[in-house]
């Protein structure tokens, strides 16, 4: 089973000729990341003053968008879990255990 902190690729070997393959999401947040990135890409931020003393603005750079997007989404997901608005799903193997108090039963 290949894993990363957010998504697991599960391949179950069956007795039959077919194998069961699916993804098990540990955290749902991909849409949130995209929404934040799109929002930040349209924002202007202060960038000094013009020669006449007026405020000058610029768009966020690509690196700033990426850094702020993931900082905000990580913080928002953590706070959502802390406040009970979201849950972090345990690894598939934990859910599959026979005596697990949550999740799937073993076949």
Protein backbone atom coordinates (compact mmCIF):
# COMPACT_ATOMS: atom_id res chain seq x y z
CA UNK A 1 0.00 0.00 0.00
CA UNK A 2 1.46 3.38 -1.05
CA UNK A 3 0.75 6.23 1.35
CA UNK A 4 1.17 9.92 1.89
CA UNK A 5 -0.23 11.98 4.77
CA UNK A 6 -3.46 12.79 2.92
CA UNK A 7 -4.23 9.99 0.46
CA UNK A 8 -3.57 6.25 0.51
CA UNK A 9 -3.68 4.00 -2.55
CA UNK A 10 -5.08 0.66 -1.39
CA UNK A 11 -4.65 -2.54 -3.41
CA UNK A 12 -6.25 -5.60 -1.86
CA UNK A 13 -5.22 -9.02 -3.10
CA UNK A 14 -8.30 -11.15 -3.42
CA UNK A 15 -8.55 -14.91 -3.67
CA UNK A 16 -10.17 -14.47 -7.07
CA UNK A 17 -8.53 -13.17 -10.22
CA UNK A 18 -9.56 -9.58 -9.54
CA UNK A 19 -7.81 -7.13 -7.29
CA UNK A 20 -9.58 -4.30 -5.57
CA UNK A 21 -7.86 -0.93 -5.99
CA UNK A 22 -9.11 2.40 -4.62
CA UNK A 23 -7.97 5.58 -2.92
CA UNK A 24 -8.66 6.29 0.73
CA UNK A 25 -8.67 10.02 1.51
CA UNK A 26 -7.33 10.86 4.94
CA UNK A 27 -8.12 14.58 4.68
CA UNK A 28 -10.56 16.37 2.41
CA UNK A 29 -9.01 19.68 1.51
CA UNK A 30 -8.05 19.77 -2.12
CA UNK A 31 -10.98 22.06 -3.02
CA UNK A 32 -10.07 24.38 -0.16
CA UNK A 33 -6.50 24.73 -1.41
CA UNK A 34 -7.68 25.57 -4.91
CA UNK A 35 -10.21 28.15 -3.66
CA UNK A 36 -7.59 29.90 -1.54
CA UNK A 37 -5.07 29.94 -4.41
CA UNK A 38 -7.60 31.42 -6.83
CA UNK A 39 -8.63 34.05 -4.29
CA UNK A 40 -5.04 35.07 -3.57
CA UNK A 41 -4.16 35.28 -7.25
CA UNK A 42 -6.67 38.12 -7.67
CA UNK A 43 -5.62 40.19 -4.65
CA UNK A 44 -3.49 43.30 -4.81
CA UNK A 45 -1.02 43.95 -2.01
CA UNK A 46 0.72 47.23 -1.06
CA UNK A 47 4.05 47.74 -2.81
CA UNK A 48 5.43 51.06 -1.65
CA UNK A 49 4.54 54.45 -3.03
CA UNK A 50 4.56 56.11 -6.42
CA UNK A 51 6.73 59.17 -7.10
CA UNK A 52 3.69 61.33 -6.22
CA UNK A 53 3.30 59.67 -2.81
CA UNK A 54 0.27 57.54 -3.67
CA UNK A 55 0.02 53.91 -2.57
CA UNK A 56 1.37 51.48 -5.17
CA UNK A 57 -0.04 47.94 -5.50
CA UNK A 58 1.00 44.67 -7.10
CA UNK A 59 -0.35 41.13 -7.40
CA UNK A 60 1.07 38.36 -5.23
CA UNK A 61 3.98 36.51 -6.84
CA UNK A 62 3.57 32.80 -7.64
CA UNK A 63 5.79 31.85 -4.70
CA UNK A 64 3.79 34.07 -2.32
CA UNK A 65 0.51 32.55 -3.53
CA UNK A 66 1.79 29.01 -2.98
CA UNK A 67 3.27 29.76 0.45
CA UNK A 68 0.20 31.61 1.73
CA UNK A 69 -2.24 29.11 0.22
CA UNK A 70 -0.76 26.12 2.00
CA UNK A 71 -0.18 28.02 5.24
CA UNK A 72 -3.82 29.13 5.29
CA UNK A 73 -5.28 25.77 4.24
CA UNK A 74 -3.17 23.82 6.78
CA UNK A 75 -4.17 26.20 9.53
CA UNK A 76 -7.84 26.16 8.50
CA UNK A 77 -7.98 22.36 8.32
CA UNK A 78 -6.25 22.00 11.70
CA UNK A 79 -8.61 24.49 13.31
CA UNK A 80 -11.62 22.79 11.68
CA UNK A 81 -10.59 19.44 13.18
CA UNK A 82 -9.95 21.08 16.56
CA UNK A 83 -13.41 22.70 16.57
CA UNK A 84 -15.22 19.62 15.30
CA UNK A 85 -16.10 20.87 11.82
CA UNK A 86 -13.91 18.22 10.16
CA UNK A 87 -12.30 14.93 11.11
CA UNK A 88 -9.03 13.34 10.14
CA UNK A 89 -9.69 9.83 8.90
CA UNK A 90 -7.45 7.07 10.31
CA UNK A 91 -5.29 4.99 7.95
CA UNK A 92 -7.11 2.30 5.97
CA UNK A 93 -5.40 -0.56 7.83
CA UNK A 94 -6.66 0.83 11.15
CA UNK A 95 -10.22 1.04 9.83
CA UNK A 96 -10.05 -2.46 8.40
CA UNK A 97 -8.97 -4.19 11.63
CA UNK A 98 -11.54 -6.63 12.93
CA UNK A 99 -11.71 -5.18 16.44
CA UNK A 100 -11.62 -1.57 15.32
CA UNK A 101 -14.29 0.51 17.02
CA UNK A 102 -14.86 2.43 13.80
CA UNK A 103 -14.85 1.71 10.13
CA UNK A 104 -15.00 -1.40 8.05
CA UNK A 105 -15.30 -5.00 9.12
CA UNK A 106 -12.78 -7.53 7.90
CA UNK A 107 -14.19 -9.76 5.17
